[in-house]
Amino acid sequence: MSLRFLTAGESHGKGCLAFVEGLPKGLTIEKDWIDRQLRRRQSGYGRSGRQNIEQDQVEVLSGVRGGRTIEAPLCLWVGNRDDSIERMPELTRPRPGHADFSGCLRHGDHDVRANLERASARETASRVAAGAVCQLLLRALGCEVLGHVVRIGDVASGLAAGAALHRVDLAVVRDHVEASEVGVLDAALVAPMKAAIDQAKADRDTLGGVVEVVSTGVPPGLGTFAQWDRRLDGRLAQALMSIQAFKAVEIGAGVAVGRLRGSQVHDAILPDGAAGVQRPTNRAGGLEGGVSNGEPLVLRATKKPIATLRRPLDSVDLASGEAAAAAFERSDVCAVPAASVIAEAMVAIVLAEASLDLFGGASLDDFVARGQAHAARAAAIRGGSESP
């Protein structure tokens, strides 16, 4: 069994839809959990007034009976309060950095509005809803996924990649991250990050940053080294790069490995008595050869500053061909905290898909039993005495 995931909806259309196919029968769909994730996506210092209009809540349209999946396509709906797509003004001055102009080149017309409505990050409400469901599936295997902010503009955490989250209960840490206005674990970063956002707003500018997603309890053996398009590292990188405005992805030590020697990069494999094989470091970020290795999965992704500026960049009026300032649509100053939630959702979707690829099962009980059997075999290979 494999997982398929599609979204539909426009920024100012009737709403956002997520279609998830391939879930086993018997998974309890916790609406409160999905809504909690949707609220996280809407929160964060530096968001626009749109978030005061929309109060995102999920409605499950199909695929459940008695609150549990029935191995039928799951359809999730998040309605828009601002559904003014048919009344929105036409735009002729494309915004640099958006899909406004590239979409016109693709379609051979000047319909900027149609491009921006679907290209908008409003679509990510669908992704977060689907990702929340996939997190429920992963929890049945003991796997947790959490995204948090490590940089906004020039203000960054001094912690090494994933160091704060590798060996802790992510369910506990989640409360601290959610309580932060900027989605950080280190409370000392809140004030300087808010100050940076305030300064960008005063300058009529925007800010980007870096988010990190850490996954613990990831089953070893997800992905494969046999084919390029099924490698787990490639699938995760593509999923994160597909998020609007994301421009770079790192796994583990990331770009730093290009400056180091091999002896400084690779993680030794050591015996450790009753605990079996242990890894003293996790520079690989939980992935070796396109396959998860049982260590915490650590990924970071860089989000560019939002391209809609209150101080518009130079553009062209497509109606006249004359130079003009780019159009301005209601927008955020900074959406990095929200981006961490979206990144969390995309990682969860990929890990759920890879877990279903490896374990299968028509029912949740089958899926979990196969996962547990796999974990027992992995424990035997490690030589440890721990139970799966």
Protein backbone atom coordinates (compact mmCIF):
# COMPACT_ATOMS: atom_id res chain seq x y z
CA MET A 1 0.00 0.00 0.00
CA SER A 2 1.29 3.46 -0.86
CA LEU A 3 0.13 6.93 0.02
CA ARG A 4 -1.08 9.54 -2.44
CA PHE A 5 -1.66 13.16 -1.56
CA LEU A 6 -3.21 15.99 -3.59
CA THR A 7 -4.46 19.47 -2.79
CA ALA A 8 -6.94 21.83 -4.43
CA GLY A 9 -8.14 25.36 -3.85
CA GLU A 10 -7.21 28.98 -4.45
CA SER A 11 -6.12 31.73 -2.09
CA HIS A 12 -9.45 33.58 -2.27
CA GLY A 13 -11.60 30.67 -3.46
CA LYS A 14 -14.17 28.80 -1.41
CA GLY A 15 -11.54 26.86 0.50
CA CYS A 16 -8.65 24.42 0.51
CA LEU A 17 -9.00 20.68 0.01
CA ALA A 18 -6.63 17.83 0.81
CA PHE A 19 -7.12 14.38 -0.69
CA VAL A 20 -5.24 11.52 1.00
CA GLU A 21 -5.44 7.99 -0.38
CA GLY A 22 -3.77 4.85 0.95
CA LEU A 23 -4.36 5.12 4.69
CA PRO A 24 -5.04 1.76 6.37
CA LYS A 25 -8.39 1.05 7.96
CA GLY A 26 -8.82 1.88 11.64
CA LEU A 27 -6.81 5.09 12.11
CA THR A 28 -8.63 7.48 14.44
CA ILE A 29 -8.84 10.94 12.88
CA GLU A 30 -8.40 13.44 15.70
CA LYS A 31 -10.02 16.66 14.52
CA ASP A 32 -8.70 18.63 17.52
CA TRP A 33 -5.13 17.67 16.62
CA ILE A 34 -5.57 18.73 12.98
CA ASP A 35 -7.11 22.05 14.05
CA ARG A 36 -4.23 22.57 16.47
CA GLN A 37 -1.77 22.25 13.61
CA LEU A 38 -3.83 24.58 11.45
CA ARG A 39 -3.76 27.20 14.22
CA ARG A 40 0.03 26.86 14.41
CA ARG A 41 0.23 27.54 10.68
CA GLN A 42 -1.76 30.74 11.11
CA SER A 43 0.21 32.00 14.08
CA GLY A 44 3.60 33.65 14.40
CA TYR A 45 4.88 37.18 14.77
CA GLY A 46 4.87 39.08 11.48
CA ARG A 47 1.80 37.56 9.87
CA SER A 48 -0.69 39.65 7.88
CA GLY A 49 -4.27 40.66 8.64
CA ARG A 50 -5.49 37.70 6.59
CA GLN A 51 -4.86 35.51 9.65
CA ASN A 52 -7.36 37.60 11.61
CA ILE A 53 -9.98 36.86 8.99
CA GLU A 54 -9.49 33.13 8.57
CA GLN A 55 -10.15 30.78 11.49
CA ASP A 56 -9.02 27.52 9.96
CA GLN A 57 -10.79 24.36 11.05
CA VAL A 58 -10.93 21.05 9.26
CA GLU A 59 -14.04 19.27 8.06
CA VAL A 60 -13.71 15.59 7.14
CA LEU A 61 -15.81 15.05 4.03
CA SER A 62 -15.13 11.38 3.32
CA GLY A 63 -13.12 8.31 4.22
CA VAL A 64 -14.20 7.79 7.84
CA ARG A 65 -16.86 5.96 9.79
CA GLY A 66 -17.20 6.39 13.52
CA GLY A 67 -14.22 8.72 13.41
CA ARG A 68 -11.88 6.08 11.94
CA THR A 69 -10.55 5.55 8.45
CA ILE A 70 -12.19 2.86 6.32
CA GLU A 71 -9.37 2.39 3.75
CA ALA A 72 -11.17 4.80 1.44
CA PRO A 73 -9.91 8.15 0.15
CA LEU A 74 -9.83 10.72 2.94
CA CYS A 75 -11.06 14.18 1.93
CA LEU A 76 -10.28 17.13 4.22
CA TRP A 77 -11.78 20.58 3.76
CA VAL A 78 -10.66 23.93 5.19
CA GLY A 79 -13.06 26.69 4.21
CA ASN A 80 -12.07 30.29 3.41
CA ARG A 81 -13.93 33.20 4.95
CA ASP A 82 -12.39 35.50 2.36
CA ASP A 83 -13.74 33.83 -0.78
CA SER A 84 -13.63 36.92 -2.98
CA ILE A 85 -11.78 35.41 -5.94
CA GLU A 86 -14.40 36.52 -8.48
CA ARG A 87 -14.37 40.08 -7.12
CA MET A 88 -10.62 40.51 -6.82
CA PRO A 89 -9.11 43.11 -9.17
CA GLU A 90 -7.08 42.05 -12.18
CA LEU A 91 -3.33 42.63 -11.87
CA THR A 92 -1.09 43.70 -14.73
CA ARG A 93 2.12 44.47 -12.77
CA PRO A 94 3.74 41.14 -11.86
CA ARG A 95 5.65 40.90 -8.58
CA PRO A 96 9.28 39.75 -8.85
CA GLY A 97 9.82 36.51 -6.94
CA HIS A 98 6.24 35.25 -7.38
CA ALA A 99 4.69 33.00 -10.02
CA ASP A 100 2.94 36.05 -11.49
CA PHE A 101 5.20 36.48 -14.53
CA SER A 102 6.48 32.93 -14.96
CA GLY A 103 2.88 31.72 -15.00
CA CYS A 104 2.02 34.18 -17.76
CA LEU A 105 4.96 32.89 -19.79
CA ARG A 106 3.76 29.33 -19.23
CA HIS A 107 0.17 30.05 -20.31
CA GLY A 108 0.85 32.65 -22.98
CA ASP A 109 -1.47 35.26 -21.46
CA HIS A 110 -1.54 38.17 -19.00
CA ASP A 111 -3.78 36.53 -16.38
CA VAL A 112 -1.65 37.29 -13.30
CA ARG A 113 -4.59 36.82 -10.93
CA ALA A 114 -5.12 33.19 -11.93
CA ASN A 115 -1.46 32.41 -11.31
CA LEU A 116 -1.17 34.01 -7.89
CA GLU A 117 -4.43 32.53 -6.61
CA ARG A 118 -3.17 28.95 -6.92
CA ALA A 119 0.52 29.68 -6.32
CA SER A 120 -0.31 31.38 -3.01
CA ALA A 121 0.92 29.82 0.23
CA ARG A 122 -2.73 29.69 1.35
CA GLU A 123 -2.61 26.26 -0.34
CA THR A 124 -0.44 25.04 2.52
CA ALA A 125 -3.48 24.83 4.81
CA SER A 126 -4.29 21.67 2.84
CA ARG A 127 -0.77 20.33 3.35
CA VAL A 128 -0.84 20.94 7.09
CA ALA A 129 -4.19 19.16 7.43
CA ALA A 130 -2.91 16.14 5.47
CA GLY A 131 0.38 16.19 7.35
CA ALA A 132 -1.44 16.18 10.69
CA VAL A 133 -3.24 12.99 9.64
CA CYS A 134 0.06 11.42 8.63
CA GLN A 135 1.49 12.32 12.04
CA LEU A 136 -1.34 10.34 13.64
CA LEU A 137 -0.30 7.34 11.54
CA LEU A 138 3.38 7.74 12.43
CA ARG A 139 2.57 7.94 16.15
CA ALA A 140 1.17 4.43 15.91
CA LEU A 141 4.79 3.42 15.19
CA GLY A 142 6.21 5.61 17.96
CA CYS A 143 7.48 8.24 15.53
CA GLU A 144 7.18 11.98 16.26
CA VAL A 145 7.87 14.92 13.93
CA LEU A 146 8.42 18.53 15.01
CA GLY A 147 9.38 21.66 13.11
CA HIS A 148 10.84 24.76 14.74
CA VAL A 149 12.61 27.98 13.76
CA VAL A 150 16.40 28.28 13.97
CA ARG A 151 16.90 31.57 12.10
CA ILE A 152 14.97 34.71 11.17
CA GLY A 153 17.05 37.17 9.16
CA ASP A 154 20.39 37.64 10.93
CA VAL A 155 19.16 36.25 14.26
CA ALA A 156 20.03 32.56 14.60
CA SER A 157 20.29 29.84 17.19
CA GLY A 158 23.83 28.92 18.19
CA LEU A 159 22.90 25.27 18.72
CA ALA A 160 24.33 22.61 16.44
CA ALA A 161 21.92 21.02 13.99
CA GLY A 162 19.18 19.24 15.88
CA ALA A 163 21.28 19.17 19.06
CA ALA A 164 18.47 20.43 21.27
CA LEU A 165 15.94 17.87 20.08
CA HIS A 166 17.75 14.62 19.30
CA ARG A 167 17.26 12.79 22.57
CA VAL A 168 14.17 14.36 24.08
CA ASP A 169 10.44 13.71 24.03
CA LEU A 170 9.22 15.84 21.12
CA ALA A 171 5.68 15.81 22.49
CA VAL A 172 6.97 17.73 25.51
CA VAL A 173 9.14 20.10 23.50
CA ARG A 174 6.22 20.83 21.18
CA ASP A 175 4.45 22.80 23.90
CA HIS A 176 7.46 25.11 24.29
CA VAL A 177 7.73 25.70 20.54
CA GLU A 178 4.01 26.38 20.19
CA ALA A 179 4.11 28.87 23.05
CA SER A 180 6.78 30.92 21.29
CA GLU A 181 5.62 33.83 19.12
CA VAL A 182 8.37 33.01 16.62
CA GLY A 183 8.35 29.22 16.92
CA VAL A 184 11.77 28.84 18.57
CA LEU A 185 12.95 26.52 21.31
CA ASP A 186 15.42 29.04 22.74
CA ALA A 187 13.40 31.75 24.55
CA ALA A 188 16.37 34.12 24.39
CA LEU A 189 15.85 34.44 20.64
CA VAL A 190 12.27 35.69 20.83
CA ALA A 191 12.99 39.37 21.55
CA PRO A 192 15.75 39.85 18.94
CA MET A 193 13.73 38.01 16.29
CA LYS A 194 10.66 40.15 16.96
CA ALA A 195 12.84 43.25 16.82
CA ALA A 196 14.21 42.17 13.44
CA ILE A 197 10.68 41.64 12.13
CA ASP A 198 9.58 45.04 13.47
CA GLN A 199 12.52 46.73 11.74
CA ALA A 200 11.75 45.02 8.44
CA LYS A 201 8.14 46.17 8.73
CA ALA A 202 9.26 49.73 9.45
CA ASP A 203 11.49 49.54 6.38
CA ARG A 204 8.52 48.22 4.35
CA ASP A 205 10.52 45.07 3.70
CA THR A 206 10.30 41.34 4.52
CA LEU A 207 12.40 38.65 6.22
CA GLY A 208 13.14 34.97 5.58
CA GLY A 209 14.91 32.41 7.69
CA VAL A 210 15.69 28.76 8.37
CA VAL A 211 13.49 26.05 9.88
CA GLU A 212 14.51 22.69 11.24
CA VAL A 213 12.43 19.50 11.32
CA VAL A 214 13.45 16.72 13.68
CA SER A 215 11.86 13.26 13.68
CA THR A 216 12.46 10.73 16.44
CA GLY A 217 11.44 7.08 16.47
CA VAL A 218 11.84 6.88 12.68
CA PRO A 219 11.84 3.21 11.64
CA PRO A 220 15.20 2.17 10.17
CA GLY A 221 15.13 1.04 6.56
CA LEU A 222 12.72 3.61 5.10
CA GLY A 223 13.58 4.50 1.52
CA THR A 224 15.96 2.60 -0.73
CA PHE A 225 19.32 2.90 -2.45
CA ALA A 226 18.04 0.87 -5.44
CA GLN A 227 16.42 3.65 -7.49
CA TRP A 228 17.10 7.39 -7.57
CA ASP A 229 13.49 8.50 -7.20
CA ARG A 230 12.78 6.29 -4.17
CA ARG A 231 15.72 7.41 -2.04
CA LEU A 232 14.36 8.88 1.18
CA ASP A 233 16.75 11.84 1.17
CA GLY A 234 15.65 12.83 -2.33
CA ARG A 235 11.97 12.45 -1.48
CA LEU A 236 12.31 14.59 1.63
CA ALA A 237 14.31 17.26 -0.18
CA GLN A 238 11.73 17.46 -2.97
CA ALA A 239 8.88 17.70 -0.46
CA LEU A 240 10.52 20.58 1.39
CA MET A 241 11.59 22.38 -1.79
CA SER A 242 7.99 22.19 -3.02
CA ILE A 243 6.89 24.57 -0.25
CA GLN A 244 6.37 28.11 -1.51
CA ALA A 245 9.51 30.31 -1.12
CA PHE A 246 11.82 27.50 0.06
CA LYS A 247 15.19 27.73 -1.68
CA ALA A 248 17.54 25.23 0.00
CA VAL A 249 17.46 22.00 2.00
CA GLU A 250 20.08 20.43 4.27
CA ILE A 251 20.22 16.99 5.88
CA GLY A 252 22.26 16.45 9.02
CA ALA A 253 25.46 18.49 8.95
CA GLY A 254 24.31 19.83 5.57
CA VAL A 255 26.47 22.23 3.60
CA ALA A 256 29.17 22.15 6.27
CA VAL A 257 30.33 18.74 5.01
CA GLY A 258 31.79 20.39 1.93
CA ARG A 259 34.40 22.11 4.10
CA LEU A 260 35.38 19.11 6.22
CA ARG A 261 37.37 15.89 5.85
CA GLY A 262 35.66 12.53 5.81
CA SER A 263 36.90 11.68 9.29
CA GLN A 264 35.05 14.78 10.53
CA VAL A 265 31.82 14.01 8.70
CA HIS A 266 30.89 10.33 8.95
CA ASP A 267 29.38 8.75 12.07
CA ALA A 268 31.29 5.87 13.62
CA ILE A 269 29.52 2.57 14.38
CA LEU A 270 30.47 1.33 17.85
CA PRO A 271 29.55 -1.59 20.12
CA ASP A 272 27.93 -0.53 23.36
CA GLY A 273 27.33 -3.62 25.49
CA ALA A 274 23.71 -4.41 26.25
CA ALA A 275 22.56 -1.42 24.20
CA GLY A 276 24.04 -2.96 21.06
CA VAL A 277 25.42 -0.90 18.20
CA GLN A 278 25.46 2.82 18.92
CA ARG A 279 26.26 5.94 16.90
CA PRO A 280 28.19 8.56 18.93
CA THR A 281 27.29 11.31 16.46
CA ASN A 282 24.50 11.95 13.97
CA ARG A 283 26.09 14.16 11.33
CA ALA A 284 24.28 12.12 8.67
CA GLY A 285 20.98 13.34 10.09
CA GLY A 286 19.46 9.87 10.29
CA LEU A 287 20.01 9.01 6.61
CA GLU A 288 22.71 6.93 4.94
CA GLY A 289 22.60 5.77 1.32
CA GLY A 290 19.05 7.05 0.85
CA VAL A 291 17.79 4.91 3.75
CA SER A 292 16.85 5.85 7.34
CA ASN A 293 19.35 4.39 9.81
CA GLY A 294 17.37 4.54 13.06
CA GLU A 295 18.92 7.77 14.31
CA PRO A 296 16.81 10.94 14.65
CA LEU A 297 16.06 12.50 11.28
CA VAL A 298 17.31 16.10 11.07
CA LEU A 299 16.50 18.41 8.17
CA ARG A 300 16.76 22.16 7.69
CA ALA A 301 15.23 24.29 4.99
CA THR A 302 15.83 27.91 4.05
CA LYS A 303 12.92 30.20 3.22
CA LYS A 304 13.51 33.37 1.23
CA PRO A 305 11.91 36.68 2.29
CA ILE A 306 8.34 37.08 1.08
CA ALA A 307 8.29 38.58 -2.41
CA THR A 308 5.30 40.88 -1.87
CA LEU A 309 6.86 44.13 -0.66
CA ARG A 310 5.26 47.29 0.68
CA ARG A 311 8.18 49.02 -1.00
CA PRO A 312 7.62 47.47 -4.44
CA LEU A 313 10.45 46.40 -6.71
CA ASP A 314 10.61 47.51 -10.33
CA SER A 315 8.34 45.68 -12.73
CA VAL A 316 6.48 46.16 -16.02
CA ASP A 317 2.81 46.84 -16.66
CA LEU A 318 1.89 43.99 -19.00
CA ALA A 319 -1.06 45.98 -20.32
CA SER A 320 1.08 48.87 -21.59
CA GLY A 321 4.61 47.47 -21.68
CA GLU A 322 5.78 50.44 -19.63
CA ALA A 323 7.96 50.37 -16.53
CA ALA A 324 5.92 50.28 -13.32
CA ALA A 325 6.19 49.38 -9.67
CA ALA A 326 5.15 45.83 -8.82
CA ALA A 327 1.64 45.31 -7.48
CA PHE A 328 1.04 44.86 -3.76
CA GLU A 329 -1.26 42.21 -2.31
CA ARG A 330 -1.99 41.88 1.41
CA SER A 331 0.96 39.92 2.75
CA ASP A 332 3.11 38.96 5.73
CA VAL A 333 6.31 40.62 6.83
CA CYS A 334 7.66 37.27 8.03
CA ALA A 335 6.11 33.78 7.81
CA VAL A 336 9.04 31.66 8.97
CA PRO A 337 7.23 30.34 12.09
CA ALA A 338 4.34 29.19 9.89
CA ALA A 339 6.84 27.68 7.46
CA SER A 340 8.19 25.43 10.21
CA VAL A 341 4.71 23.92 10.63
CA ILE A 342 4.36 23.38 6.89
CA ALA A 343 7.80 21.76 6.72
CA GLU A 344 6.81 19.51 9.62
CA ALA A 345 3.71 18.44 7.68
CA MET A 346 5.63 17.66 4.49
CA VAL A 347 8.20 15.55 6.34
CA ALA A 348 5.38 13.65 8.05
CA ILE A 349 3.70 12.95 4.70
CA VAL A 350 6.91 11.55 3.21
CA LEU A 351 7.69 9.42 6.28
CA ALA A 352 4.12 8.07 6.34
CA GLU A 353 4.37 7.19 2.65
CA ALA A 354 7.73 5.48 3.12
CA SER A 355 6.44 3.57 6.17
CA LEU A 356 3.42 2.31 4.23
CA ASP A 357 5.73 1.32 1.37
CA LEU A 358 7.81 -0.80 3.77
CA PHE A 359 5.14 -2.24 6.07
CA GLY A 360 1.86 -2.11 4.12
CA GLY A 361 -1.22 -3.57 5.75
CA ALA A 362 -4.91 -3.14 5.00
CA SER A 363 -5.64 -2.27 8.64
CA LEU A 364 -3.86 -0.18 11.24
CA ASP A 365 -3.32 -3.31 13.34
CA ASP A 366 -1.56 -5.02 10.42
CA PHE A 367 0.55 -1.94 9.76
CA VAL A 368 1.65 -1.61 13.40
CA ALA A 369 2.32 -5.36 13.79
CA ARG A 370 4.58 -5.35 10.74
CA GLY A 371 6.33 -2.25 12.00
CA GLN A 372 6.95 -3.90 15.35
CA ALA A 373 8.27 -7.07 13.71
CA HIS A 374 10.62 -4.96 11.62
CA ALA A 375 11.81 -3.12 14.73
CA ALA A 376 12.53 -6.45 16.44
CA ARG A 377 14.66 -7.59 13.52
CA ALA A 378 16.54 -4.29 13.53
CA ALA A 379 17.19 -4.65 17.27
CA ALA A 380 18.58 -8.13 16.69
CA ILE A 381 20.95 -6.81 14.02
CA ARG A 382 22.14 -4.10 16.39
CA GLY A 383 22.82 -6.77 18.94
CA GLY A 384 21.08 -4.98 21.76
CA SER A 385 18.79 -6.47 24.37
CA GLU A 386 16.14 -3.75 24.10
CA SER A 387 12.64 -4.70 23.10
CA PRO A 388 11.09 -3.02 20.04
